[in-house]
């Protein structure tokens, strides 16, 4: 999958990334790198990681998402995982995936509401 297919969208002081369906390891690694670059560039206070198109989860994807959540937190941001389907939730549980300080939401709208509900100066440490 081409790295150009990964886009990080800036919405005010938040970032929105939609994970492409069936991402390979290279795509997931590139996504993580782009998110971290955008966090620094835009001084974002939060990330919505839209995984609604993902139907299957492997251990590399799960580990990389968990690491990204932790890295965003270390950079002062909060992460909301949005749109997790039932099969991904089952697999994540079976793999023992923990998302640390990440919040979850059924969809992107609810994820944005969660991040916008936080006080404007609040940062995850």
N, C-alpha and C. Protein backbone atom coordinates (compact mmCIF):
# COMPACT_ATOMS: atom_id res chain seq x y z
N UNK A 1 0.85 -1.17 0.00
CA UNK A 1 0.00 0.00 0.00
C UNK A 1 0.90 1.24 0.00
N UNK A 2 0.58 2.18 -0.82
CA UNK A 2 1.41 3.37 -0.95
C UNK A 2 1.30 4.25 0.28
N UNK A 3 2.43 4.83 0.66
CA UNK A 3 2.45 5.71 1.81
C UNK A 3 1.61 6.96 1.58
N UNK A 4 1.40 7.31 0.30
CA UNK A 4 0.60 8.48 -0.01
C UNK A 4 -0.86 8.28 0.38
N UNK A 5 -1.27 7.03 0.58
CA UNK A 5 -2.66 6.76 0.92
C UNK A 5 -2.98 7.09 2.37
N UNK A 6 -1.97 7.40 3.16
CA UNK A 6 -2.18 7.73 4.56
C UNK A 6 -2.27 9.25 4.69
N UNK A 7 -3.41 9.70 5.18
CA UNK A 7 -3.54 11.14 5.37
C UNK A 7 -3.90 11.43 6.82
N UNK A 8 -3.25 12.44 7.33
CA UNK A 8 -3.52 12.93 8.68
C UNK A 8 -4.22 14.27 8.49
N UNK A 9 -5.46 14.35 8.92
CA UNK A 9 -6.26 15.56 8.74
C UNK A 9 -6.27 16.35 10.04
N UNK A 10 -5.96 17.64 9.92
CA UNK A 10 -5.96 18.53 11.08
C UNK A 10 -7.33 19.19 11.17
N UNK A 11 -7.99 19.03 12.32
CA UNK A 11 -9.27 19.67 12.61
C UNK A 11 -9.07 20.54 13.84
N UNK A 12 -8.84 21.82 13.63
CA UNK A 12 -8.50 22.75 14.71
C UNK A 12 -7.25 22.23 15.41
N UNK A 13 -7.35 21.84 16.68
CA UNK A 13 -6.17 21.35 17.40
C UNK A 13 -6.19 19.83 17.59
N UNK A 14 -6.95 19.17 16.72
CA UNK A 14 -7.04 17.71 16.76
C UNK A 14 -6.59 17.12 15.43
N UNK A 15 -6.21 15.86 15.46
CA UNK A 15 -5.85 15.13 14.25
C UNK A 15 -6.83 13.99 14.04
N UNK A 16 -7.13 13.72 12.78
CA UNK A 16 -8.00 12.61 12.41
C UNK A 16 -7.28 11.76 11.39
N UNK A 17 -7.19 10.47 11.69
CA UNK A 17 -6.55 9.52 10.78
C UNK A 17 -7.49 8.34 10.61
N UNK A 18 -7.77 8.00 9.37
CA UNK A 18 -8.56 6.81 9.08
C UNK A 18 -7.61 5.72 8.60
N UNK A 19 -7.63 4.62 9.32
CA UNK A 19 -6.77 3.50 8.96
C UNK A 19 -7.38 2.82 7.73
N UNK A 20 -6.57 2.59 6.68
CA UNK A 20 -7.10 1.92 5.49
C UNK A 20 -7.48 0.48 5.80
N UNK A 21 -8.43 -0.08 5.02
CA UNK A 21 -8.82 -1.48 5.25
C UNK A 21 -7.64 -2.41 4.97
N UNK A 22 -7.55 -3.48 5.74
CA UNK A 22 -6.50 -4.48 5.58
C UNK A 22 -5.10 -3.88 5.46
N UNK A 23 -4.69 -3.07 6.42
CA UNK A 23 -3.36 -2.45 6.34
C UNK A 23 -2.26 -3.47 6.56
N UNK A 24 -1.18 -3.33 5.78
CA UNK A 24 -0.02 -4.21 5.99
C UNK A 24 0.90 -3.55 7.02
N UNK A 25 1.95 -4.27 7.41
CA UNK A 25 2.86 -3.78 8.45
C UNK A 25 3.53 -2.47 8.05
N UNK A 26 3.91 -2.34 6.78
CA UNK A 26 4.56 -1.12 6.31
C UNK A 26 3.61 0.08 6.44
N UNK A 27 2.36 -0.12 6.11
CA UNK A 27 1.37 0.95 6.19
C UNK A 27 1.16 1.38 7.64
N UNK A 28 1.05 0.41 8.53
CA UNK A 28 0.85 0.72 9.95
C UNK A 28 2.05 1.47 10.53
N UNK A 29 3.25 1.05 10.16
CA UNK A 29 4.46 1.75 10.62
C UNK A 29 4.50 3.17 10.09
N UNK A 30 4.15 3.34 8.82
CA UNK A 30 4.14 4.67 8.22
C UNK A 30 3.07 5.55 8.86
N UNK A 31 1.93 4.96 9.16
CA UNK A 31 0.86 5.70 9.82
C UNK A 31 1.33 6.23 11.17
N UNK A 32 1.99 5.38 11.94
CA UNK A 32 2.51 5.80 13.23
C UNK A 32 3.48 6.97 13.08
N UNK A 33 4.38 6.87 12.12
CA UNK A 33 5.36 7.92 11.88
C UNK A 33 4.68 9.24 11.50
N UNK A 34 3.70 9.16 10.61
CA UNK A 34 2.98 10.37 10.17
C UNK A 34 2.22 11.01 11.32
N UNK A 35 1.60 10.19 12.14
CA UNK A 35 0.86 10.72 13.29
C UNK A 35 1.79 11.48 14.22
N UNK A 36 2.93 10.88 14.53
CA UNK A 36 3.86 11.52 15.45
C UNK A 36 4.43 12.81 14.88
N UNK A 37 4.73 12.82 13.58
CA UNK A 37 5.21 14.05 12.94
C UNK A 37 4.14 15.13 13.00
N UNK A 38 2.89 14.77 12.73
CA UNK A 38 1.81 15.75 12.75
C UNK A 38 1.54 16.25 14.17
N UNK A 39 1.66 15.38 15.16
CA UNK A 39 1.49 15.82 16.56
C UNK A 39 2.46 16.94 16.88
N UNK A 40 3.72 16.76 16.47
CA UNK A 40 4.74 17.78 16.75
C UNK A 40 4.52 19.02 15.90
N UNK A 41 4.26 18.84 14.62
CA UNK A 41 4.11 19.96 13.69
C UNK A 41 2.94 20.87 14.08
N UNK A 42 1.80 20.28 14.40
CA UNK A 42 0.59 21.05 14.67
C UNK A 42 0.33 21.29 16.15
N UNK A 43 1.20 20.74 17.01
CA UNK A 43 1.00 20.85 18.46
C UNK A 43 -0.43 20.43 18.82
N UNK A 44 -0.84 19.31 18.26
CA UNK A 44 -2.20 18.81 18.46
C UNK A 44 -2.40 18.34 19.89
N UNK A 45 -3.63 18.49 20.37
CA UNK A 45 -3.94 18.04 21.72
C UNK A 45 -4.66 16.70 21.73
N UNK A 46 -4.96 16.20 20.53
CA UNK A 46 -5.64 14.93 20.48
C UNK A 46 -5.62 14.28 19.11
N UNK A 47 -5.91 12.98 19.11
CA UNK A 47 -5.91 12.18 17.90
C UNK A 47 -7.15 11.30 17.90
N UNK A 48 -7.88 11.32 16.80
CA UNK A 48 -8.95 10.36 16.57
C UNK A 48 -8.40 9.37 15.56
N UNK A 49 -8.30 8.13 15.97
CA UNK A 49 -7.82 7.07 15.09
C UNK A 49 -9.04 6.25 14.68
N UNK A 50 -9.50 6.49 13.46
CA UNK A 50 -10.70 5.85 12.94
C UNK A 50 -10.32 4.49 12.36
N UNK A 51 -10.76 3.44 13.04
CA UNK A 51 -10.44 2.08 12.60
C UNK A 51 -11.69 1.37 12.07
N UNK A 52 -12.68 2.14 11.65
CA UNK A 52 -13.96 1.57 11.22
C UNK A 52 -13.86 0.71 9.96
N UNK A 53 -12.83 0.93 9.15
CA UNK A 53 -12.69 0.14 7.93
C UNK A 53 -11.91 -1.17 8.17
N UNK A 54 -11.33 -1.31 9.34
CA UNK A 54 -10.51 -2.48 9.66
C UNK A 54 -11.42 -3.62 10.13
N UNK A 55 -11.33 -4.75 9.45
CA UNK A 55 -12.16 -5.90 9.79
C UNK A 55 -11.40 -7.01 10.50
N UNK A 56 -10.07 -7.00 10.35
CA UNK A 56 -9.25 -8.01 11.01
C UNK A 56 -8.08 -7.32 11.70
N UNK A 57 -7.60 -7.95 12.74
CA UNK A 57 -6.54 -7.38 13.56
C UNK A 57 -5.47 -8.44 13.76
N UNK A 58 -4.21 -8.06 13.52
CA UNK A 58 -3.13 -8.99 13.83
C UNK A 58 -2.31 -8.40 14.97
N UNK A 59 -1.36 -9.18 15.47
CA UNK A 59 -0.60 -8.75 16.64
C UNK A 59 0.26 -7.52 16.36
N UNK A 60 0.81 -7.39 15.14
CA UNK A 60 1.63 -6.22 14.82
C UNK A 60 0.77 -4.96 14.82
N UNK A 61 -0.39 -5.04 14.18
CA UNK A 61 -1.31 -3.89 14.16
C UNK A 61 -1.70 -3.51 15.58
N UNK A 62 -2.09 -4.49 16.39
CA UNK A 62 -2.51 -4.23 17.77
C UNK A 62 -1.39 -3.58 18.57
N UNK A 63 -0.18 -4.12 18.46
CA UNK A 63 0.95 -3.57 19.21
C UNK A 63 1.28 -2.16 18.75
N UNK A 64 1.24 -1.92 17.45
CA UNK A 64 1.57 -0.60 16.92
C UNK A 64 0.54 0.44 17.34
N UNK A 65 -0.73 0.07 17.34
CA UNK A 65 -1.77 1.00 17.81
C UNK A 65 -1.55 1.33 19.28
N UNK A 66 -1.29 0.31 20.10
CA UNK A 66 -1.05 0.55 21.53
C UNK A 66 0.17 1.44 21.74
N UNK A 67 1.24 1.21 20.97
CA UNK A 67 2.43 2.05 21.08
C UNK A 67 2.14 3.48 20.64
N UNK A 68 1.35 3.64 19.59
CA UNK A 68 1.01 4.98 19.09
C UNK A 68 0.22 5.74 20.14
N UNK A 69 -0.72 5.08 20.78
CA UNK A 69 -1.50 5.71 21.86
C UNK A 69 -0.56 6.19 22.95
N UNK A 70 0.40 5.35 23.33
CA UNK A 70 1.35 5.72 24.38
C UNK A 70 2.22 6.89 23.94
N UNK A 71 2.70 6.86 22.70
CA UNK A 71 3.56 7.93 22.19
C UNK A 71 2.82 9.26 22.11
N UNK A 72 1.58 9.22 21.65
CA UNK A 72 0.76 10.44 21.58
C UNK A 72 0.59 11.00 23.00
N UNK A 73 0.36 10.12 23.96
CA UNK A 73 0.24 10.55 25.36
C UNK A 73 1.51 11.20 25.87
N UNK A 74 2.65 10.63 25.52
CA UNK A 74 3.93 11.21 25.94
C UNK A 74 4.17 12.58 25.30
N UNK A 75 3.52 12.80 24.15
CA UNK A 75 3.65 14.10 23.47
C UNK A 75 2.57 15.08 23.93
N UNK A 76 1.80 14.69 24.95
CA UNK A 76 0.81 15.60 25.52
C UNK A 76 -0.57 15.50 24.94
N UNK A 77 -0.84 14.48 24.13
CA UNK A 77 -2.15 14.35 23.51
C UNK A 77 -2.96 13.21 24.07
N UNK A 78 -4.24 13.20 23.71
CA UNK A 78 -5.15 12.11 24.06
C UNK A 78 -5.58 11.43 22.77
N UNK A 79 -5.81 10.13 22.83
CA UNK A 79 -6.23 9.38 21.66
C UNK A 79 -7.58 8.75 21.91
N UNK A 80 -8.43 8.82 20.88
CA UNK A 80 -9.71 8.10 20.90
C UNK A 80 -9.71 7.16 19.70
N UNK A 81 -9.91 5.87 19.97
CA UNK A 81 -10.08 4.88 18.91
C UNK A 81 -11.56 4.87 18.55
N UNK A 82 -11.84 5.12 17.29
CA UNK A 82 -13.23 5.23 16.86
C UNK A 82 -13.60 4.14 15.87
N UNK A 83 -14.81 3.63 16.00
CA UNK A 83 -15.38 2.73 15.00
C UNK A 83 -14.93 1.29 15.05
N UNK A 84 -14.50 0.82 16.22
CA UNK A 84 -14.06 -0.58 16.29
C UNK A 84 -15.26 -1.51 16.09
N UNK A 85 -15.13 -2.40 15.11
CA UNK A 85 -16.21 -3.36 14.86
C UNK A 85 -16.09 -4.53 15.84
N UNK A 86 -17.15 -5.30 15.93
CA UNK A 86 -17.22 -6.40 16.89
C UNK A 86 -16.10 -7.42 16.70
N UNK A 87 -15.80 -7.79 15.46
CA UNK A 87 -14.76 -8.81 15.24
C UNK A 87 -13.38 -8.31 15.68
N UNK A 88 -13.11 -7.03 15.49
CA UNK A 88 -11.84 -6.47 15.94
C UNK A 88 -11.81 -6.40 17.46
N UNK A 89 -12.93 -6.06 18.08
CA UNK A 89 -12.99 -6.02 19.55
C UNK A 89 -12.73 -7.41 20.14
N UNK A 90 -13.31 -8.43 19.52
CA UNK A 90 -13.10 -9.81 19.99
C UNK A 90 -11.63 -10.18 19.86
N UNK A 91 -11.04 -9.93 18.70
CA UNK A 91 -9.63 -10.28 18.48
C UNK A 91 -8.72 -9.49 19.40
N UNK A 92 -9.01 -8.21 19.59
CA UNK A 92 -8.19 -7.38 20.48
C UNK A 92 -8.20 -7.95 21.89
N UNK A 93 -9.36 -8.38 22.33
CA UNK A 93 -9.48 -8.98 23.66
C UNK A 93 -8.70 -10.29 23.73
N UNK A 94 -8.81 -11.11 22.70
CA UNK A 94 -8.10 -12.39 22.68
C UNK A 94 -6.59 -12.19 22.66
N UNK A 95 -6.13 -11.11 21.98
CA UNK A 95 -4.69 -10.83 21.93
C UNK A 95 -4.20 -10.15 23.20
N UNK A 96 -5.11 -9.75 24.07
CA UNK A 96 -4.72 -9.06 25.29
C UNK A 96 -4.35 -7.60 25.05
N UNK A 97 -4.88 -7.02 24.00
CA UNK A 97 -4.57 -5.63 23.66
C UNK A 97 -5.10 -4.70 24.74
N UNK A 98 -4.22 -3.87 25.24
CA UNK A 98 -4.64 -2.80 26.13
C UNK A 98 -4.30 -1.50 25.42
N UNK A 99 -5.19 -0.55 25.52
CA UNK A 99 -5.00 0.71 24.81
C UNK A 99 -4.58 1.84 25.75
N UNK A 100 -4.12 1.47 26.92
CA UNK A 100 -3.59 2.46 27.84
C UNK A 100 -4.61 3.53 28.17
N UNK A 101 -4.23 4.78 27.94
CA UNK A 101 -5.09 5.92 28.27
C UNK A 101 -6.06 6.27 27.15
N UNK A 102 -6.10 5.48 26.10
CA UNK A 102 -6.99 5.80 24.99
C UNK A 102 -8.44 5.62 25.41
N UNK A 103 -9.28 6.45 24.85
CA UNK A 103 -10.71 6.31 24.98
C UNK A 103 -11.21 5.59 23.74
N UNK A 104 -12.42 5.09 23.78
CA UNK A 104 -13.00 4.48 22.59
C UNK A 104 -14.36 5.12 22.35
N UNK A 105 -14.74 5.12 21.08
CA UNK A 105 -16.03 5.67 20.68
C UNK A 105 -16.58 4.86 19.53
N UNK A 106 -17.90 4.85 19.41
CA UNK A 106 -18.53 4.07 18.34
C UNK A 106 -18.26 4.65 16.96
N UNK A 107 -18.08 5.97 16.88
CA UNK A 107 -17.84 6.60 15.59
C UNK A 107 -17.02 7.88 15.76
N UNK A 108 -16.65 8.48 14.65
CA UNK A 108 -15.79 9.67 14.67
C UNK A 108 -16.49 10.85 15.35
N UNK A 109 -17.78 11.04 15.10
CA UNK A 109 -18.50 12.15 15.74
C UNK A 109 -18.41 12.06 17.26
N UNK A 110 -18.64 10.88 17.79
CA UNK A 110 -18.57 10.70 19.25
C UNK A 110 -17.14 10.86 19.75
N UNK A 111 -16.18 10.44 18.95
CA UNK A 111 -14.77 10.60 19.34
C UNK A 111 -14.41 12.08 19.44
N UNK A 112 -14.84 12.86 18.47
CA UNK A 112 -14.58 14.30 18.51
C UNK A 112 -15.27 14.94 19.70
N UNK A 113 -16.48 14.50 20.02
CA UNK A 113 -17.18 15.01 21.20
C UNK A 113 -16.39 14.71 22.47
N UNK A 114 -15.83 13.50 22.57
CA UNK A 114 -15.03 13.14 23.75
C UNK A 114 -13.82 14.05 23.91
N UNK A 115 -13.11 14.28 22.80
CA UNK A 115 -11.92 15.12 22.88
C UNK A 115 -12.27 16.58 23.12
N UNK A 116 -13.37 17.03 22.56
CA UNK A 116 -13.77 18.42 22.76
C UNK A 116 -14.36 18.68 24.13
N UNK A 117 -14.78 17.62 24.83
CA UNK A 117 -15.33 17.77 26.17
C UNK A 117 -14.25 18.04 27.21
N UNK A 118 -13.01 17.70 26.86
CA UNK A 118 -11.90 17.92 27.80
C UNK A 118 -11.61 19.41 27.87
N UNK A 119 -11.24 19.90 29.04
CA UNK A 119 -10.86 21.31 29.14
C UNK A 119 -9.77 21.65 28.14
N UNK A 120 -9.83 22.85 27.56
CA UNK A 120 -8.92 23.22 26.48
C UNK A 120 -7.44 23.14 26.87
N UNK A 121 -7.13 23.35 28.10
CA UNK A 121 -5.73 23.28 28.52
C UNK A 121 -5.30 21.92 29.00
N UNK A 122 -6.25 21.00 29.09
CA UNK A 122 -5.95 19.67 29.64
C UNK A 122 -5.09 18.88 28.67
N UNK A 123 -4.08 18.26 29.20
CA UNK A 123 -3.22 17.40 28.42
C UNK A 123 -2.99 16.12 29.18
N UNK A 124 -2.95 15.05 28.47
CA UNK A 124 -2.67 13.76 29.09
C UNK A 124 -1.18 13.66 29.37
N UNK A 125 -0.83 13.19 30.54
CA UNK A 125 0.59 13.06 30.87
C UNK A 125 0.94 11.61 31.03
